[in-house]
Amino acid sequence: MSKLIKIRAYEYAELNDKAKDNFIHSMWDMPFEAETGEHDDEGNMIIEYDYFGEWDLEEQIDFCESNDYLFNKYGKLIGHLEEKDDE
C-alpha cells in the first residue's frame, strides 16, 4: 500500500549557510570539465576543472535553478522524490 506524504522542498537560494555548505561539500567530488581551446606540447587539448564551491553565490543559484534542483533543509538533493502527474 502506498502513502502520499508531503515533503518541504527548498531552492538553493532559500537554504541557510550550513545547508549550502553541505551541498558544496557533496559537489567537490564532481568537477565540471572545460576545454580551454589550447593544446599542450603533445597536441592534446588542455582541460581545466571547475568546481561548484569556487563559484560565487549568484552562479551557484543560477546553476541550481537551471537544473531544477530541490533540497531538504540540510542541503541534500530531494528532487528525485518528486512525482509529477502525466495529465
PDB file of N, CA and C in Angstrom:
ATOM      1  N   MET A   1       0.839  -1.168   0.000  1.00  0.00           N
ATOM      2  CA  MET A   1       0.000   0.000   0.000  1.00  0.00           C
ATOM      3  C   MET A   1       0.892   1.242   0.000  1.00  0.00           C
ATOM      4  N   SER A   2       0.626   2.146  -0.891  1.00  0.00           N
ATOM      5  CA  SER A   2       1.420   3.369  -0.950  1.00  0.00           C
ATOM      6  C   SER A   2       0.729   4.489  -0.179  1.00  0.00           C
ATOM      7  N   LYS A   3       1.529   5.435   0.278  1.00  0.00           N
ATOM      8  CA  LYS A   3       1.007   6.581   1.008  1.00  0.00           C
ATOM      9  C   LYS A   3       1.506   7.851   0.338  1.00  0.00           C
ATOM     10  N   LEU A   4       0.693   8.848   0.348  1.00  0.00           N
ATOM     11  CA  LEU A   4       1.071  10.146  -0.160  1.00  0.00           C
ATOM     12  C   LEU A   4       1.530  10.994   1.016  1.00  0.00           C
ATOM     13  N   ILE A   5       2.774  11.475   0.944  1.00  0.00           N
ATOM     14  CA  ILE A   5       3.301  12.317   2.010  1.00  0.00           C
ATOM     15  C   ILE A   5       3.763  13.643   1.415  1.00  0.00           C
ATOM     16  N   LYS A   6       3.830  14.647   2.257  1.00  0.00           N
ATOM     17  CA  LYS A   6       4.325  15.957   1.838  1.00  0.00           C
ATOM     18  C   LYS A   6       5.726  16.145   2.386  1.00  0.00           C
ATOM     19  N   ILE A   7       6.589  16.690   1.545  1.00  0.00           N
ATOM     20  CA  ILE A   7       7.966  16.975   1.941  1.00  0.00           C
ATOM     21  C   ILE A   7       8.246  18.431   1.607  1.00  0.00           C
ATOM     22  N   ARG A   8       8.762  19.161   2.561  1.00  0.00           N
ATOM     23  CA  ARG A   8       9.106  20.559   2.315  1.00  0.00           C
ATOM     24  C   ARG A   8      10.400  20.596   1.491  1.00  0.00           C
ATOM     25  N   ALA A   9      10.345  21.289   0.367  1.00  0.00           N
ATOM     26  CA  ALA A   9      11.497  21.396  -0.522  1.00  0.00           C
ATOM     27  C   ALA A   9      11.914  22.857  -0.638  1.00  0.00           C
ATOM     28  N   TYR A  10      13.217  23.060  -0.751  1.00  0.00           N
ATOM     29  CA  TYR A  10      13.779  24.401  -0.811  1.00  0.00           C
ATOM     30  C   TYR A  10      14.601  24.568  -2.082  1.00  0.00           C
ATOM     31  N   GLU A  11      14.619  25.782  -2.601  1.00  0.00           N
ATOM     32  CA  GLU A  11      15.555  26.119  -3.661  1.00  0.00           C
ATOM     33  C   GLU A  11      16.876  26.487  -2.992  1.00  0.00           C
ATOM     34  N   TYR A  12      17.946  26.461  -3.751  1.00  0.00           N
ATOM     35  CA  TYR A  12      19.274  26.717  -3.190  1.00  0.00           C
ATOM     36  C   TYR A  12      19.342  28.071  -2.476  1.00  0.00           C
ATOM     37  N   ALA A  13      18.745  29.082  -3.075  1.00  0.00           N
ATOM     38  CA  ALA A  13      18.790  30.426  -2.500  1.00  0.00           C
ATOM     39  C   ALA A  13      18.101  30.495  -1.139  1.00  0.00           C
ATOM     40  N   GLU A  14      17.204  29.575  -0.858  1.00  0.00           N
ATOM     41  CA  GLU A  14      16.463  29.573   0.410  1.00  0.00           C
ATOM     42  C   GLU A  14      17.201  28.856   1.541  1.00  0.00           C
ATOM     43  N   LEU A  15      18.243  28.123   1.221  1.00  0.00           N
ATOM     44  CA  LEU A  15      18.965  27.346   2.229  1.00  0.00           C
ATOM     45  C   LEU A  15      19.780  28.254   3.137  1.00  0.00           C
ATOM     46  N   ASN A  16      19.958  27.835   4.391  1.00  0.00           N
ATOM     47  CA  ASN A  16      20.861  28.574   5.271  1.00  0.00           C
ATOM     48  C   ASN A  16      22.304  28.227   4.900  1.00  0.00           C
ATOM     49  N   ASP A  17      23.249  28.932   5.493  1.00  0.00           N
ATOM     50  CA  ASP A  17      24.665  28.755   5.124  1.00  0.00           C
ATOM     51  C   ASP A  17      25.165  27.341   5.382  1.00  0.00           C
ATOM     52  N   LYS A  18      24.748  26.739   6.486  1.00  0.00           N
ATOM     53  CA  LYS A  18      25.185  25.369   6.805  1.00  0.00           C
ATOM     54  C   LYS A  18      24.688  24.382   5.753  1.00  0.00           C
ATOM     55  N   ALA A  19      23.441  24.516   5.319  1.00  0.00           N
ATOM     56  CA  ALA A  19      22.884  23.627   4.298  1.00  0.00           C
ATOM     57  C   ALA A  19      23.600  23.836   2.960  1.00  0.00           C
ATOM     58  N   LYS A  20      23.899  25.093   2.628  1.00  0.00           N
ATOM     59  CA  LYS A  20      24.657  25.365   1.395  1.00  0.00           C
ATOM     60  C   LYS A  20      26.035  24.725   1.474  1.00  0.00           C
ATOM     61  N   ASP A  21      26.685  24.837   2.629  1.00  0.00           N
ATOM     62  CA  ASP A  21      27.999  24.207   2.809  1.00  0.00           C
ATOM     63  C   ASP A  21      27.920  22.694   2.631  1.00  0.00           C
ATOM     64  N   ASN A  22      26.859  22.079   3.130  1.00  0.00           N
ATOM     65  CA  ASN A  22      26.686  20.630   2.955  1.00  0.00           C
ATOM     66  C   ASN A  22      26.605  20.260   1.479  1.00  0.00           C
ATOM     67  N   PHE A  23      25.851  21.039   0.699  1.00  0.00           N
ATOM     68  CA  PHE A  23      25.740  20.736  -0.725  1.00  0.00           C
ATOM     69  C   PHE A  23      27.058  20.995  -1.440  1.00  0.00           C
ATOM     70  N   ILE A  24      27.707  22.106  -1.120  1.00  0.00           N
ATOM     71  CA  ILE A  24      29.004  22.409  -1.735  1.00  0.00           C
ATOM     72  C   ILE A  24      29.980  21.268  -1.461  1.00  0.00           C
ATOM     73  N   HIS A  25      30.008  20.791  -0.236  1.00  0.00           N
ATOM     74  CA  HIS A  25      30.893  19.679   0.124  1.00  0.00           C
ATOM     75  C   HIS A  25      30.595  18.445  -0.738  1.00  0.00           C
ATOM     76  N   SER A  26      29.324  18.158  -0.968  1.00  0.00           N
ATOM     77  CA  SER A  26      28.969  16.979  -1.774  1.00  0.00           C
ATOM     78  C   SER A  26      29.355  17.148  -3.240  1.00  0.00           C
ATOM     79  N   MET A  27      29.494  18.383  -3.689  1.00  0.00           N
ATOM     80  CA  MET A  27      29.813  18.642  -5.099  1.00  0.00           C
ATOM     81  C   MET A  27      31.310  18.614  -5.395  1.00  0.00           C
ATOM     82  N   TRP A  28      32.165  18.582  -4.391  1.00  0.00           N
ATOM     83  CA  TRP A  28      33.612  18.590  -4.627  1.00  0.00           C
ATOM     84  C   TRP A  28      34.066  17.353  -5.392  1.00  0.00           C
ATOM     85  N   ASP A  29      33.340  16.270  -5.298  1.00  0.00           N
ATOM     86  CA  ASP A  29      33.707  15.037  -5.994  1.00  0.00           C
ATOM     87  C   ASP A  29      33.264  15.034  -7.449  1.00  0.00           C
ATOM     88  N   MET A  30      32.600  16.098  -7.886  1.00  0.00           N
ATOM     89  CA  MET A  30      32.068  16.141  -9.254  1.00  0.00           C
ATOM     90  C   MET A  30      32.463  17.437  -9.964  1.00  0.00           C
ATOM     91  N   PRO A  31      33.746  17.572 -10.331  1.00  0.00           N
ATOM     92  CA  PRO A  31      34.146  18.794 -11.032  1.00  0.00           C
ATOM     93  C   PRO A  31      33.559  18.835 -12.444  1.00  0.00           C
ATOM     94  N   PHE A  32      33.457  20.030 -12.980  1.00  0.00           N
ATOM     95  CA  PHE A  32      32.986  20.233 -14.342  1.00  0.00           C
ATOM     96  C   PHE A  32      34.213  20.412 -15.233  1.00  0.00           C
ATOM     97  N   GLU A  33      34.285  19.631 -16.310  1.00  0.00           N
ATOM     98  CA  GLU A  33      35.407  19.737 -17.234  1.00  0.00           C
ATOM     99  C   GLU A  33      35.120  20.814 -18.270  1.00  0.00           C
ATOM    100  N   ALA A  34      36.152  21.578 -18.613  1.00  0.00           N
ATOM    101  CA  ALA A  34      36.010  22.607 -19.645  1.00  0.00           C
ATOM    102  C   ALA A  34      37.282  22.628 -20.482  1.00  0.00           C
ATOM    103  N   GLU A  35      37.125  22.549 -21.801  1.00  0.00           N
ATOM    104  CA  GLU A  35      38.277  22.649 -22.690  1.00  0.00           C
ATOM    105  C   GLU A  35      38.684  24.112 -22.771  1.00  0.00           C
ATOM    106  N   THR A  36      39.997  24.349 -22.738  1.00  0.00           N
ATOM    107  CA  THR A  36      40.497  25.725 -22.757  1.00  0.00           C
ATOM    108  C   THR A  36      40.638  26.261 -24.177  1.00  0.00           C
ATOM    109  N   GLY A  37      40.628  25.374 -25.160  1.00  0.00           N
ATOM    110  CA  GLY A  37      40.880  25.789 -26.536  1.00  0.00           C
ATOM    111  C   GLY A  37      42.364  25.776 -26.872  1.00  0.00           C
ATOM    112  N   GLU A  38      43.189  25.461 -25.870  1.00  0.00           N
ATOM    113  CA  GLU A  38      44.638  25.405 -26.061  1.00  0.00           C
ATOM    114  C   GLU A  38      45.098  23.946 -26.043  1.00  0.00           C
ATOM    115  N   HIS A  39      46.287  23.724 -26.592  1.00  0.00           N
ATOM    116  CA  HIS A  39      46.849  22.375 -26.645  1.00  0.00           C
ATOM    117  C   HIS A  39      48.195  22.348 -25.935  1.00  0.00           C
ATOM    118  N   ASP A  40      48.526  21.189 -25.362  1.00  0.00           N
ATOM    119  CA  ASP A  40      49.829  21.035 -24.731  1.00  0.00           C
ATOM    120  C   ASP A  40      50.884  20.736 -25.792  1.00  0.00           C
ATOM    121  N   ASP A  41      52.121  20.476 -25.374  1.00  0.00           N
ATOM    122  CA  ASP A  41      53.230  20.244 -26.302  1.00  0.00           C
ATOM    123  C   ASP A  41      53.023  19.015 -27.177  1.00  0.00           C
ATOM    124  N   GLU A  42      52.187  18.080 -26.718  1.00  0.00           N
ATOM    125  CA  GLU A  42      51.934  16.856 -27.484  1.00  0.00           C
ATOM    126  C   GLU A  42      50.682  16.967 -28.347  1.00  0.00           C
ATOM    127  N   GLY A  43      50.060  18.139 -28.355  1.00  0.00           N
ATOM    128  CA  GLY A  43      48.878  18.355 -29.183  1.00  0.00           C
ATOM    129  C   GLY A  43      47.565  17.960 -28.529  1.00  0.00           C
ATOM    130  N   ASN A  44      47.603  17.605 -27.276  1.00  0.00           N
ATOM    131  CA  ASN A  44      46.373  17.232 -26.560  1.00  0.00           C
ATOM    132  C   ASN A  44      45.652  18.480 -26.056  1.00  0.00           C
ATOM    133  N   MET A  45      44.328  18.441 -26.138  1.00  0.00           N
ATOM    134  CA  MET A  45      43.530  19.562 -25.637  1.00  0.00           C
ATOM    135  C   MET A  45      43.728  19.696 -24.126  1.00  0.00           C
ATOM    136  N   ILE A  46      43.938  20.917 -23.668  1.00  0.00           N
ATOM    137  CA  ILE A  46      44.090  21.182 -22.236  1.00  0.00           C
ATOM    138  C   ILE A  46      42.697  21.323 -21.632  1.00  0.00           C
ATOM    139  N   ILE A  47      42.481  20.579 -20.577  1.00  0.00           N
ATOM    140  CA  ILE A  47      41.186  20.597 -19.899  1.00  0.00           C
ATOM    141  C   ILE A  47      41.374  21.165 -18.501  1.00  0.00           C
ATOM    142  N   GLU A  48      40.509  22.103 -18.137  1.00  0.00           N
ATOM    143  CA  GLU A  48      40.516  22.659 -16.797  1.00  0.00           C
ATOM    144  C   GLU A  48      39.305  22.113 -16.050  1.00  0.00           C
ATOM    145  N   TYR A  49      39.403  22.118 -14.742  1.00  0.00           N
ATOM    146  CA  TYR A  49      38.305  21.648 -13.909  1.00  0.00           C
ATOM    147  C   TYR A  49      37.732  22.824 -13.131  1.00  0.00           C
ATOM    148  N   ASP A  50      36.442  22.898 -13.143  1.00  0.00           N
ATOM    149  CA  ASP A  50      35.714  23.965 -12.478  1.00  0.00           C
ATOM    150  C   ASP A  50      34.888  23.325 -11.368  1.00  0.00           C
ATOM    151  N   TYR A  51      34.888  23.946 -10.182  1.00  0.00           N
ATOM    152  CA  TYR A  51      34.199  23.379  -9.032  1.00  0.00           C
ATOM    153  C   TYR A  51      33.077  24.297  -8.557  1.00  0.00           C
ATOM    154  N   PHE A  52      31.938  23.694  -8.281  1.00  0.00           N
ATOM    155  CA  PHE A  52      30.765  24.417  -7.804  1.00  0.00           C
ATOM    156  C   PHE A  52      31.111  25.297  -6.603  1.00  0.00           C
ATOM    157  N   GLY A  53      31.912  24.802  -5.701  1.00  0.00           N
ATOM    158  CA  GLY A  53      32.265  25.528  -4.489  1.00  0.00           C
ATOM    159  C   GLY A  53      33.116  26.761  -4.730  1.00  0.00           C
ATOM    160  N   GLU A  54      33.714  26.877  -5.922  1.00  0.00           N
ATOM    161  CA  GLU A  54      34.537  28.041  -6.245  1.00  0.00           C
ATOM    162  C   GLU A  54      33.730  29.154  -6.917  1.00  0.00           C
ATOM    163  N   TRP A  55      32.500  28.853  -7.273  1.00  0.00           N
ATOM    164  CA  TRP A  55      31.659  29.860  -7.923  1.00  0.00           C
ATOM    165  C   TRP A  55      31.126  30.837  -6.889  1.00  0.00           C
ATOM    166  N   ASP A  56      30.742  32.028  -7.363  1.00  0.00           N
ATOM    167  CA  ASP A  56      30.099  32.950  -6.433  1.00  0.00           C
ATOM    168  C   ASP A  56      28.644  32.523  -6.233  1.00  0.00           C
ATOM    169  N   LEU A  57      28.000  33.093  -5.241  1.00  0.00           N
ATOM    170  CA  LEU A  57      26.654  32.673  -4.852  1.00  0.00           C
ATOM    171  C   LEU A  57      25.660  32.784  -6.010  1.00  0.00           C
ATOM    172  N   GLU A  58      25.741  33.853  -6.776  1.00  0.00           N
ATOM    173  CA  GLU A  58      24.803  34.046  -7.900  1.00  0.00           C
ATOM    174  C   GLU A  58      24.947  32.934  -8.941  1.00  0.00           C
ATOM    175  N   GLU A  59      26.176  32.525  -9.237  1.00  0.00           N
ATOM    176  CA  GLU A  59      26.409  31.428 -10.185  1.00  0.00           C
ATOM    177  C   GLU A  59      25.871  30.110  -9.632  1.00  0.00           C
ATOM    178  N   GLN A  60      26.060  29.892  -8.341  1.00  0.00           N
ATOM    179  CA  GLN A  60      25.538  28.673  -7.711  1.00  0.00           C
ATOM    180  C   GLN A  60      24.014  28.639  -7.789  1.00  0.00           C
ATOM    181  N   ILE A  61      23.375  29.761  -7.490  1.00  0.00           N
ATOM    182  CA  ILE A  61      21.916  29.844  -7.546  1.00  0.00           C
ATOM    183  C   ILE A  61      21.427  29.599  -8.963  1.00  0.00           C
ATOM    184  N   ASP A  62      22.052  30.241  -9.944  1.00  0.00           N
ATOM    185  CA  ASP A  62      21.652  30.064 -11.352  1.00  0.00           C
ATOM    186  C   ASP A  62      21.775  28.610 -11.796  1.00  0.00           C
ATOM    187  N   PHE A  63      22.875  27.956 -11.413  1.00  0.00           N
ATOM    188  CA  PHE A  63      23.084  26.562 -11.777  1.00  0.00           C
ATOM    189  C   PHE A  63      21.991  25.676 -11.189  1.00  0.00           C
ATOM    190  N   CYS A  64      21.695  25.854  -9.917  1.00  0.00           N
ATOM    191  CA  CYS A  64      20.681  25.029  -9.259  1.00  0.00           C
ATOM    192  C   CYS A  64      19.287  25.288  -9.834  1.00  0.00           C
ATOM    193  N   GLU A  65      18.978  26.536 -10.139  1.00  0.00           N
ATOM    194  CA  GLU A  65      17.675  26.857 -10.733  1.00  0.00           C
ATOM    195  C   GLU A  65      17.550  26.275 -12.129  1.00  0.00           C
ATOM    196  N   SER A  66      18.611  26.378 -12.936  1.00  0.00           N
ATOM    197  CA  SER A  66      18.529  25.864 -14.306  1.00  0.00           C
ATOM    198  C   SER A  66      18.421  24.344 -14.347  1.00  0.00           C
ATOM    199  N   ASN A  67      18.871  23.679 -13.283  1.00  0.00           N
ATOM    200  CA  ASN A  67      18.765  22.222 -13.203  1.00  0.00           C
ATOM    201  C   ASN A  67      17.586  21.767 -12.347  1.00  0.00           C
ATOM    202  N   ASP A  68      16.744  22.716 -11.930  1.00  0.00           N
ATOM    203  CA  ASP A  68      15.553  22.418 -11.125  1.00  0.00           C
ATOM    204  C   ASP A  68      15.884  21.619  -9.874  1.00  0.00           C
ATOM    205  N   TYR A  69      17.001  21.952  -9.234  1.00  0.00           N
ATOM    206  CA  TYR A  69      17.394  21.263  -8.012  1.00  0.00           C
ATOM    207  C   TYR A  69      16.485  21.685  -6.860  1.00  0.00           C
ATOM    208  N   LEU A  70      16.033  20.716  -6.099  1.00  0.00           N
ATOM    209  CA  LEU A  70      15.280  20.948  -4.870  1.00  0.00           C
ATOM    210  C   LEU A  70      16.025  20.256  -3.737  1.00  0.00           C
ATOM    211  N   PHE A  71      15.992  20.881  -2.552  1.00  0.00           N
ATOM    212  CA  PHE A  71      16.773  20.413  -1.416  1.00  0.00           C
ATOM    213  C   PHE A  71      15.911  20.245  -0.176  1.00  0.00           C
ATOM    214  N   ASN A  72      16.372  19.375   0.728  1.00  0.00           N
ATOM    215  CA  ASN A  72      15.778  19.380   2.064  1.00  0.00           C
ATOM    216  C   ASN A  72      16.489  20.461   2.869  1.00  0.00           C
ATOM    217  N   LYS A  73      16.104  20.683   4.097  1.00  0.00           N
ATOM    218  CA  LYS A  73      16.667  21.795   4.869  1.00  0.00           C
ATOM    219  C   LYS A  73      18.135  21.593   5.232  1.00  0.00           C
ATOM    220  N   TYR A  74      18.659  20.397   4.988  1.00  0.00           N
ATOM    221  CA  TYR A  74      20.060  20.109   5.286  1.00  0.00           C
ATOM    222  C   TYR A  74      20.970  20.241   4.062  1.00  0.00           C
ATOM    223  N   GLY A  75      20.394  20.577   2.901  1.00  0.00           N
ATOM    224  CA  GLY A  75      21.185  20.750   1.692  1.00  0.00           C
ATOM    225  C   GLY A  75      21.341  19.487   0.863  1.00  0.00           C
ATOM    226  N   LYS A  76      20.543  18.476   1.138  1.00  0.00           N
ATOM    227  CA  LYS A  76      20.562  17.236   0.346  1.00  0.00           C
ATOM    228  C   LYS A  76      19.553  17.354  -0.784  1.00  0.00           C
ATOM    229  N   LEU A  77      19.949  16.896  -1.978  1.00  0.00           N
ATOM    230  CA  LEU A  77      19.031  16.924  -3.116  1.00  0.00           C
ATOM    231  C   LEU A  77      17.846  15.996  -2.876  1.00  0.00           C
ATOM    232  N   ILE A  78      16.646  16.485  -3.160  1.00  0.00           N
ATOM    233  CA  ILE A  78      15.459  15.646  -2.998  1.00  0.00           C
ATOM    234  C   ILE A  78      14.554  15.678  -4.218  1.00  0.00           C
ATOM    235  N   GLY A  79      14.989  16.309  -5.293  1.00  0.00           N
ATOM    236  CA  GLY A  79      14.169  16.386  -6.494  1.00  0.00           C
ATOM    237  C   GLY A  79      13.798  15.019  -7.049  1.00  0.00           C
ATOM    238  N   HIS A  80      14.617  14.008  -6.777  1.00  0.00           N
ATOM    239  CA  HIS A  80      14.335  12.657  -7.255  1.00  0.00           C
ATOM    240  C   HIS A  80      13.087  12.067  -6.587  1.00  0.00           C
ATOM    241  N   LEU A  81      12.642  12.660  -5.495  1.00  0.00           N
ATOM    242  CA  LEU A  81      11.447  12.171  -4.808  1.00  0.00           C
ATOM    243  C   LEU A  81      10.168  12.724  -5.415  1.00  0.00           C
ATOM    244  N   GLU A  82      10.311  13.740  -6.258  1.00  0.00           N
ATOM    245  CA  GLU A  82       9.155  14.402  -6.833  1.00  0.00           C
ATOM    246  C   GLU A  82       8.479  13.507  -7.864  1.00  0.00           C
ATOM    247  N   GLU A  83       7.185  13.430  -7.783  1.00  0.00           N
ATOM    248  CA  GLU A  83       6.394  12.646  -8.726  1.00  0.00           C
ATOM    249  C   GLU A  83       5.398  13.593  -9.384  1.00  0.00           C
ATOM    250  N   LYS A  84       5.409  13.611 -10.701  1.00  0.00           N
ATOM    251  CA  LYS A  84       4.536  14.506 -11.434  1.00  0.00           C
ATOM    252  C   LYS A  84       3.441  13.725 -12.127  1.00  0.00           C
ATOM    253  N   ASP A  85       2.267  14.296 -12.171  1.00  0.00           N
ATOM    254  CA  ASP A  85       1.156  13.667 -12.870  1.00  0.00           C
ATOM    255  C   ASP A  85       1.362  13.798 -14.372  1.00  0.00           C
ATOM    256  N   ASP A  86       0.972  12.782 -15.123  1.00  0.00           N
ATOM    257  CA  ASP A  86       1.070  12.799 -16.577  1.00  0.00           C
ATOM    258  C   ASP A  86      -0.251  13.219 -17.206  1.00  0.00           C
ATOM    259  N   GLU A  87      -0.752  14.346 -16.803  1.00  0.00           N
ATOM    260  CA  GLU A  87      -2.041  14.817 -17.308  1.00  0.00           C
ATOM    261  C   GLU A  87      -1.843  15.774 -18.453  1.00  0.00           C
TER     262      GLU A  87
END
